[in-house]
């Protein structure tokens, strides 16, 4: 229901800004020690090195950057050391655009894929783009197309790893956000290629971006959505239900292949021979079958004699109809002599 003010006009609702501009949403985009530990710790290291780059001793800073450079000469001497050391610095210091992208992009990617996969994408883009740009330089120097000074060219920073994470994050977003992020990233790469101020970085950024896009299938298959779907799966039955035996009613003792039966109303256990038994106790089938068959034959004889006359004799000169007993399995003539004796006894009693 709407509340009307004294003037009879509906109150105006306050306008809300875009969701992305809310302070709470912006704060949630920043890395935290519990939500995004990899990005948070890595950002602290980069912040320390960026502050030292801007405010530290210039000679010392230049020496550290040269020792951390991933140029062709250092890659040939100690590749692992320089590949890791070069990722501890931000080209441009505190005012670099890639520092801001690092915080926002890696935080969003780590929340969706985890710290281990985020670190893997970052290192993969950093290493592949570095090798793809430095190895051709070494080949060109060996072929005499570039001077030997190109082997000691200064190369460091996190831009290749950040571009790889941008490409990987785009595959986890919706269609509109996905193409928006990719469009902006390719515009940045195109601008670098047009200006061509740094040839190695200009070619390395699109290579790193394509490397992150190549990880879409791995990140989608092993994301939290797939894990939650697997957790919600209902397991199947641990054992198959017992099959009904032909020739017996439901709940009757079942016959086993080895000549045994299981008692009625007891817990059945699935065995390798396909038999249900009572806690290790078995009953012989043949003995129980003979006793039960004899008892049923006696009952049938008594029922037939009682139902045939109803307790009264028939009319004079008319012999009552006696169906007789059910033929016994052990008699020679199928029970014919027994029926004649029963009829004579009834005629005499008349």
Protein backbone atom coordinates (compact mmCIF):
# COMPACT_ATOMS: atom_id res chain seq x y z
CA UNK A 1 0.00 0.00 0.00
CA UNK A 2 1.17 3.53 -0.77
CA UNK A 3 1.40 6.26 1.85
CA UNK A 4 0.09 9.64 0.71
CA UNK A 5 1.36 12.86 2.22
CA UNK A 6 -1.09 15.60 3.42
CA UNK A 7 -0.95 17.31 0.01
CA UNK A 8 -2.21 14.15 -1.69
CA UNK A 9 1.02 13.45 -3.54
CA UNK A 10 2.93 10.18 -3.46
CA UNK A 11 6.30 10.50 -1.78
CA UNK A 12 9.28 10.29 -4.10
CA UNK A 13 11.63 7.45 -3.59
CA UNK A 14 15.29 8.37 -3.25
CA UNK A 15 17.32 7.63 -6.31
CA UNK A 16 19.85 4.90 -5.92
CA UNK A 17 23.17 5.03 -7.65
CA UNK A 18 24.60 2.21 -9.72
CA UNK A 19 25.46 -0.97 -7.87
CA UNK A 20 29.11 -0.70 -8.83
CA UNK A 21 29.46 2.77 -7.27
CA UNK A 22 28.33 1.83 -3.79
CA UNK A 23 31.07 2.12 -1.15
CA UNK A 24 30.31 -1.32 0.28
CA UNK A 25 30.61 -2.97 -3.11
CA UNK A 26 33.90 -1.21 -3.82
CA UNK A 27 35.30 -2.35 -0.50
CA UNK A 28 34.32 -5.95 -1.24
CA UNK A 29 36.31 -5.74 -4.49
CA UNK A 30 39.53 -5.17 -2.54
CA UNK A 31 41.65 -8.13 -1.40
CA UNK A 32 41.32 -9.40 2.17
CA UNK A 33 43.59 -11.76 4.15
CA UNK A 34 40.81 -14.34 4.59
CA UNK A 35 38.91 -14.05 1.30
CA UNK A 36 41.84 -13.58 -1.10
CA UNK A 37 45.06 -14.43 0.77
CA UNK A 38 47.26 -14.79 -2.34
CA UNK A 39 46.29 -11.42 -3.78
CA UNK A 40 46.46 -9.73 -0.38
CA UNK A 41 49.98 -10.96 0.45
CA UNK A 42 51.27 -10.36 -3.06
CA UNK A 43 49.82 -6.83 -3.04
CA UNK A 44 51.66 -6.04 0.20
CA UNK A 45 54.97 -7.13 -1.36
CA UNK A 46 54.32 -5.04 -4.48
CA UNK A 47 53.34 -2.06 -2.36
CA UNK A 48 56.62 -2.27 -0.43
CA UNK A 49 58.75 -2.54 -3.58
CA UNK A 50 56.81 0.29 -5.27
CA UNK A 51 57.38 2.60 -2.30
CA UNK A 52 61.07 1.70 -2.28
CA UNK A 53 61.28 2.33 -6.04
CA UNK A 54 59.85 5.83 -5.68
CA UNK A 55 61.52 6.90 -2.43
CA UNK A 56 64.59 4.67 -2.06
CA UNK A 57 68.18 5.28 -3.06
CA UNK A 58 68.27 5.64 -6.83
CA UNK A 59 71.56 3.83 -7.36
CA UNK A 60 70.46 0.88 -5.21
CA UNK A 61 67.09 0.71 -6.95
CA UNK A 62 68.70 0.64 -10.39
CA UNK A 63 71.07 -2.11 -9.32
CA UNK A 64 68.21 -4.27 -7.97
CA UNK A 65 66.14 -3.76 -11.10
CA UNK A 66 69.04 -4.76 -13.35
CA UNK A 67 69.66 -7.90 -11.33
CA UNK A 68 65.95 -8.76 -11.54
CA UNK A 69 65.67 -8.09 -15.27
CA UNK A 70 64.48 -10.92 -17.51
CA UNK A 71 66.72 -9.97 -20.41
CA UNK A 72 68.17 -12.62 -22.70
CA UNK A 73 71.53 -12.68 -20.89
CA UNK A 74 70.01 -13.30 -17.46
CA UNK A 75 67.58 -15.89 -18.84
CA UNK A 76 70.51 -17.84 -20.21
CA UNK A 77 72.41 -17.72 -16.88
CA UNK A 78 69.75 -18.02 -14.13
CA UNK A 79 66.26 -18.21 -15.65
CA UNK A 80 64.24 -19.27 -12.58
CA UNK A 81 65.68 -16.58 -10.33
CA UNK A 82 65.08 -13.68 -12.69
CA UNK A 83 61.61 -14.89 -13.70
CA UNK A 84 60.50 -14.80 -10.06
CA UNK A 85 62.43 -11.64 -9.12
CA UNK A 86 61.10 -9.63 -12.06
CA UNK A 87 57.51 -10.26 -10.85
CA UNK A 88 58.24 -8.42 -7.56
CA UNK A 89 58.38 -4.97 -9.15
CA UNK A 90 55.83 -2.67 -10.75
CA UNK A 91 57.03 -0.73 -13.78
CA UNK A 92 56.10 2.86 -12.95
CA UNK A 93 55.95 2.51 -9.17
CA UNK A 94 52.90 3.58 -7.17
CA UNK A 95 51.33 5.47 -10.08
CA UNK A 96 51.20 2.56 -12.49
CA UNK A 97 47.87 1.53 -13.99
CA UNK A 98 48.86 -2.13 -13.74
CA UNK A 99 49.10 -1.84 -9.96
CA UNK A 100 45.39 -0.92 -9.75
CA UNK A 101 44.46 -3.63 -12.25
CA UNK A 102 46.42 -6.14 -10.22
CA UNK A 103 44.37 -5.49 -7.08
CA UNK A 104 40.96 -5.52 -8.77
CA UNK A 105 41.47 -8.28 -11.35
CA UNK A 106 43.34 -10.79 -9.19
CA UNK A 107 40.90 -10.30 -6.30
CA UNK A 108 37.93 -11.06 -8.55
CA UNK A 109 39.68 -14.05 -10.13
CA UNK A 110 40.77 -15.51 -6.79
CA UNK A 111 37.24 -15.30 -5.38
CA UNK A 112 36.02 -17.39 -8.29
CA UNK A 113 38.83 -19.91 -8.76
CA UNK A 114 40.95 -19.88 -5.59
CA UNK A 115 44.46 -18.72 -4.82
CA UNK A 116 46.33 -21.66 -6.37
CA UNK A 117 44.69 -21.34 -9.79
CA UNK A 118 45.03 -17.56 -9.75
CA UNK A 119 48.75 -17.85 -9.04
CA UNK A 120 49.06 -20.46 -11.80
CA UNK A 121 47.40 -18.21 -14.39
CA UNK A 122 49.54 -15.24 -13.35
CA UNK A 123 52.83 -17.16 -13.52
CA UNK A 124 51.86 -18.86 -16.78
CA UNK A 125 51.16 -15.56 -18.51
CA UNK A 126 54.28 -13.95 -17.01
CA UNK A 127 56.62 -16.76 -18.07
CA UNK A 128 55.19 -17.49 -21.53
CA UNK A 129 54.99 -13.83 -22.56
CA UNK A 130 58.54 -13.19 -21.30
CA UNK A 131 59.99 -16.16 -23.17
CA UNK A 132 58.01 -15.33 -26.31
CA UNK A 133 59.51 -11.83 -26.42
CA UNK A 134 63.06 -12.45 -25.18
CA UNK A 135 63.98 -15.61 -27.08
CA UNK A 136 63.47 -13.95 -30.48
CA UNK A 137 65.76 -11.15 -29.31
CA UNK A 138 68.49 -13.67 -28.49
CA UNK A 139 68.01 -15.29 -31.89
CA UNK A 140 68.19 -11.95 -33.66
CA UNK A 141 71.42 -11.05 -31.83
CA UNK A 142 72.93 -14.41 -32.75
CA UNK A 143 71.94 -13.85 -36.38
CA UNK A 144 73.54 -10.40 -36.37
CA UNK A 145 70.30 -8.49 -36.90
CA UNK A 146 70.42 -6.76 -33.47
CA UNK A 147 73.38 -5.38 -31.53
CA UNK A 148 74.78 -7.28 -28.57
CA UNK A 149 73.51 -4.59 -26.19
CA UNK A 150 69.96 -5.92 -26.76
CA UNK A 151 70.87 -8.96 -24.65
CA UNK A 152 71.09 -6.71 -21.55
CA UNK A 153 67.91 -4.73 -22.10
CA UNK A 154 66.03 -3.88 -18.85
CA UNK A 155 62.79 -5.91 -18.58
CA UNK A 156 60.75 -6.37 -15.37
CA UNK A 157 57.23 -5.89 -14.01
CA UNK A 158 53.86 -7.60 -13.49
CA UNK A 159 52.07 -6.42 -16.63
CA UNK A 160 52.25 -9.78 -18.44
CA UNK A 161 50.77 -11.65 -15.46
CA UNK A 162 48.01 -9.08 -14.99
CA UNK A 163 46.99 -9.28 -18.66
CA UNK A 164 46.81 -13.07 -18.41
CA UNK A 165 44.50 -12.78 -15.38
CA UNK A 166 42.34 -10.28 -17.26
CA UNK A 167 41.88 -12.78 -20.08
CA UNK A 168 41.10 -15.60 -17.64
CA UNK A 169 38.61 -13.51 -15.63
CA UNK A 170 36.68 -12.52 -18.74
CA UNK A 171 35.75 -16.15 -19.36
CA UNK A 172 34.08 -16.40 -15.93
CA UNK A 173 31.85 -13.33 -16.37
CA UNK A 174 28.47 -12.92 -18.05
CA UNK A 175 28.22 -12.31 -21.81
CA UNK A 176 27.96 -8.51 -21.55
CA UNK A 177 30.73 -8.09 -18.96
CA UNK A 178 32.89 -10.65 -20.76
CA UNK A 179 32.99 -8.81 -24.07
CA UNK A 180 33.32 -5.45 -22.35
CA UNK A 181 36.44 -6.57 -20.48
CA UNK A 182 37.93 -8.20 -23.56
CA UNK A 183 37.18 -5.14 -25.68
CA UNK A 184 38.99 -2.81 -23.26
CA UNK A 185 41.93 -5.19 -22.95
CA UNK A 186 42.37 -5.49 -26.72
CA UNK A 187 42.13 -1.70 -27.05
CA UNK A 188 45.03 -1.35 -24.60
CA UNK A 189 47.05 -3.89 -26.56
CA UNK A 190 46.26 -2.17 -29.84
CA UNK A 191 47.34 1.18 -28.43
CA UNK A 192 50.69 -0.30 -27.38
CA UNK A 193 51.21 -1.76 -30.84
CA UNK A 194 50.35 1.54 -32.52
CA UNK A 195 52.66 3.61 -30.34
CA UNK A 196 55.31 0.85 -30.32
CA UNK A 197 57.25 2.66 -27.61
CA UNK A 198 58.44 -0.63 -26.10
CA UNK A 199 58.48 -3.38 -28.76
CA UNK A 200 58.84 -6.27 -26.32
CA UNK A 201 56.03 -5.12 -24.03
CA UNK A 202 53.84 -4.25 -27.02
CA UNK A 203 53.92 -7.84 -28.28
CA UNK A 204 54.02 -9.43 -24.83
CA UNK A 205 50.69 -7.99 -23.64
CA UNK A 206 48.49 -9.58 -26.36
CA UNK A 207 50.38 -12.87 -25.95
CA UNK A 208 49.66 -12.85 -22.21
CA UNK A 209 46.01 -11.95 -22.83
CA UNK A 210 45.59 -14.90 -25.21
CA UNK A 211 47.29 -17.16 -22.66
CA UNK A 212 44.69 -16.26 -20.04
CA UNK A 213 41.87 -16.86 -22.52
CA UNK A 214 43.30 -20.31 -23.24
CA UNK A 215 42.68 -21.21 -19.56
CA UNK A 216 38.89 -20.77 -19.78
CA UNK A 217 38.14 -24.47 -20.07
CA UNK A 218 40.29 -25.43 -17.07
CA UNK A 219 38.89 -22.71 -14.83
CA UNK A 220 35.25 -23.43 -15.74
CA UNK A 221 35.52 -27.18 -15.17
CA UNK A 222 37.13 -26.84 -11.74
CA UNK A 223 35.33 -23.80 -10.44
CA UNK A 224 33.19 -23.65 -7.25
CA UNK A 225 30.00 -24.13 -9.29
CA UNK A 226 31.10 -27.55 -10.41
CA UNK A 227 32.18 -28.48 -6.93
CA UNK A 228 28.82 -27.47 -5.37
CA UNK A 229 26.96 -29.46 -8.02
CA UNK A 230 29.06 -32.49 -7.19
CA UNK A 231 28.40 -32.07 -3.47
CA UNK A 232 24.63 -32.00 -4.10
CA UNK A 233 24.65 -35.26 -6.05
CA UNK A 234 22.61 -38.07 -4.47
CA UNK A 235 24.58 -41.31 -4.15
CA UNK A 236 23.08 -44.48 -5.54
CA UNK A 237 22.01 -47.51 -3.48
CA UNK A 238 24.81 -49.38 -1.82
CA UNK A 239 23.30 -52.79 -2.54
CA UNK A 240 20.77 -54.07 -5.05
CA UNK A 241 17.32 -55.11 -3.74
CA UNK A 242 16.72 -58.89 -3.54
CA UNK A 243 15.06 -60.33 -6.62
CA UNK A 244 11.75 -62.17 -6.27
CA UNK A 245 11.92 -65.95 -6.73
CA UNK A 246 9.48 -67.65 -9.09
CA UNK A 247 7.01 -70.05 -7.51
CA UNK A 248 6.87 -68.52 -4.04
CA UNK A 249 4.85 -65.75 -2.42
CA UNK A 250 6.37 -62.54 -1.16
CA UNK A 251 8.08 -63.02 2.18
CA UNK A 252 8.43 -66.84 1.78
CA UNK A 253 11.79 -68.53 2.48
CA UNK A 254 14.06 -68.22 -0.55
CA UNK A 255 16.04 -71.12 -1.91
CA UNK A 256 19.79 -70.76 -2.32
CA UNK A 257 21.94 -72.35 -5.02
CA UNK A 258 23.79 -74.47 -2.51
CA UNK A 259 20.66 -76.37 -1.27
CA UNK A 260 19.77 -74.13 1.69
CA UNK A 261 16.94 -71.75 2.51
CA UNK A 262 16.81 -68.60 4.57
CA UNK A 263 14.43 -68.15 7.48
CA UNK A 264 11.48 -65.79 7.10
CA UNK A 265 11.62 -62.36 8.69
CA UNK A 266 15.35 -62.30 9.31
CA UNK A 267 17.95 -59.86 8.05
CA UNK A 268 19.31 -60.93 4.68
CA UNK A 269 22.90 -60.36 3.74
CA UNK A 270 24.18 -60.30 0.16
CA UNK A 271 26.74 -63.05 -0.38
CA UNK A 272 28.90 -63.86 -3.34
CA UNK A 273 26.83 -66.99 -4.06
CA UNK A 274 23.62 -64.93 -4.19
CA UNK A 275 22.15 -66.51 -1.05
CA UNK A 276 20.47 -65.06 2.06
CA UNK A 277 21.10 -66.91 5.30
CA UNK A 278 20.26 -66.50 9.00
CA UNK A 279 23.44 -65.34 10.79
CA UNK A 280 25.44 -68.33 9.58
CA UNK A 281 22.65 -70.96 10.16
CA UNK A 282 21.35 -73.05 7.24
CA UNK A 283 18.38 -75.46 7.02
CA UNK A 284 18.45 -78.49 4.65
CA UNK A 285 15.94 -78.11 1.85
CA UNK A 286 15.15 -81.77 1.14
CA UNK A 287 14.24 -82.70 4.73
CA UNK A 288 11.95 -79.71 5.18
CA UNK A 289 10.33 -80.29 1.78
CA UNK A 290 9.39 -83.94 2.58
CA UNK A 291 7.92 -83.08 6.00
CA UNK A 292 5.86 -80.18 4.70
CA UNK A 293 4.57 -82.22 1.72
CA UNK A 294 3.39 -85.08 3.98
CA UNK A 295 1.61 -82.67 6.32
CA UNK A 296 -0.22 -81.01 3.39
CA UNK A 297 -1.39 -84.42 2.04
CA UNK A 298 -2.92 -85.42 5.41
CA UNK A 299 -4.74 -82.11 5.70
CA UNK A 300 -6.15 -82.43 2.19
CA UNK A 301 -7.56 -85.95 2.92
CA UNK A 302 -9.32 -84.78 6.09
CA UNK A 303 -10.77 -81.69 4.38
CA UNK A 304 -12.10 -83.62 1.38
CA UNK A 305 -13.84 -86.29 3.53
CA UNK A 306 -15.44 -83.68 5.78
CA UNK A 307 -16.65 -81.44 2.96
CA UNK A 308 -18.03 -84.34 0.85
CA UNK A 309 -20.87 -85.39 3.26
CA UNK A 310 -21.36 -82.46 5.56
CA UNK A 311 -21.99 -84.93 8.52
CA UNK A 312 -25.11 -86.63 6.93
CA UNK A 313 -25.71 -89.81 4.87
CA UNK A 314 -27.30 -89.72 1.44
CA UNK A 315 -30.65 -91.17 0.32
CA UNK A 316 -31.50 -94.93 0.39
CA UNK A 317 -29.89 -96.84 -2.47
CA UNK A 318 -27.86 -93.89 -3.60
CA UNK A 319 -24.18 -94.00 -2.93
CA UNK A 320 -22.75 -90.67 -1.89
CA UNK A 321 -20.22 -88.99 -4.18
CA UNK A 322 -16.86 -89.25 -2.55
CA UNK A 323 -14.07 -87.32 -4.24
CA UNK A 324 -11.51 -89.24 -2.24
CA UNK A 325 -8.09 -88.21 -1.08
CA UNK A 326 -5.44 -86.52 -3.11
CA UNK A 327 -3.17 -89.17 -4.64
CA UNK A 328 -0.15 -89.78 -2.51
CA UNK A 329 3.24 -89.69 -4.07
CA UNK A 330 4.22 -93.02 -2.44
CA UNK A 331 1.15 -95.19 -3.51
CA UNK A 332 1.45 -97.60 -6.40
CA UNK A 333 -1.91 -96.94 -8.13
CA UNK A 334 -2.08 -93.19 -7.46
CA UNK A 335 -4.51 -93.57 -4.46
CA UNK A 336 -7.22 -95.72 -6.19
CA UNK A 337 -7.32 -98.47 -3.51
CA UNK A 338 -7.65 -95.91 -0.73
CA UNK A 339 -10.66 -94.32 -2.43
CA UNK A 340 -12.43 -97.73 -2.80
CA UNK A 341 -11.91 -98.55 0.89
CA UNK A 342 -13.35 -95.20 1.92
CA UNK A 343 -16.43 -95.74 -0.29
CA UNK A 344 -17.08 -99.28 1.09
CA UNK A 345 -16.82 -97.99 4.64
CA UNK A 346 -19.37 -95.30 3.98
CA UNK A 347 -21.79 -97.74 2.25
CA UNK A 348 -21.58 -100.12 5.22
CA UNK A 349 -22.30 -97.34 7.68
CA UNK A 350 -25.45 -96.39 5.74
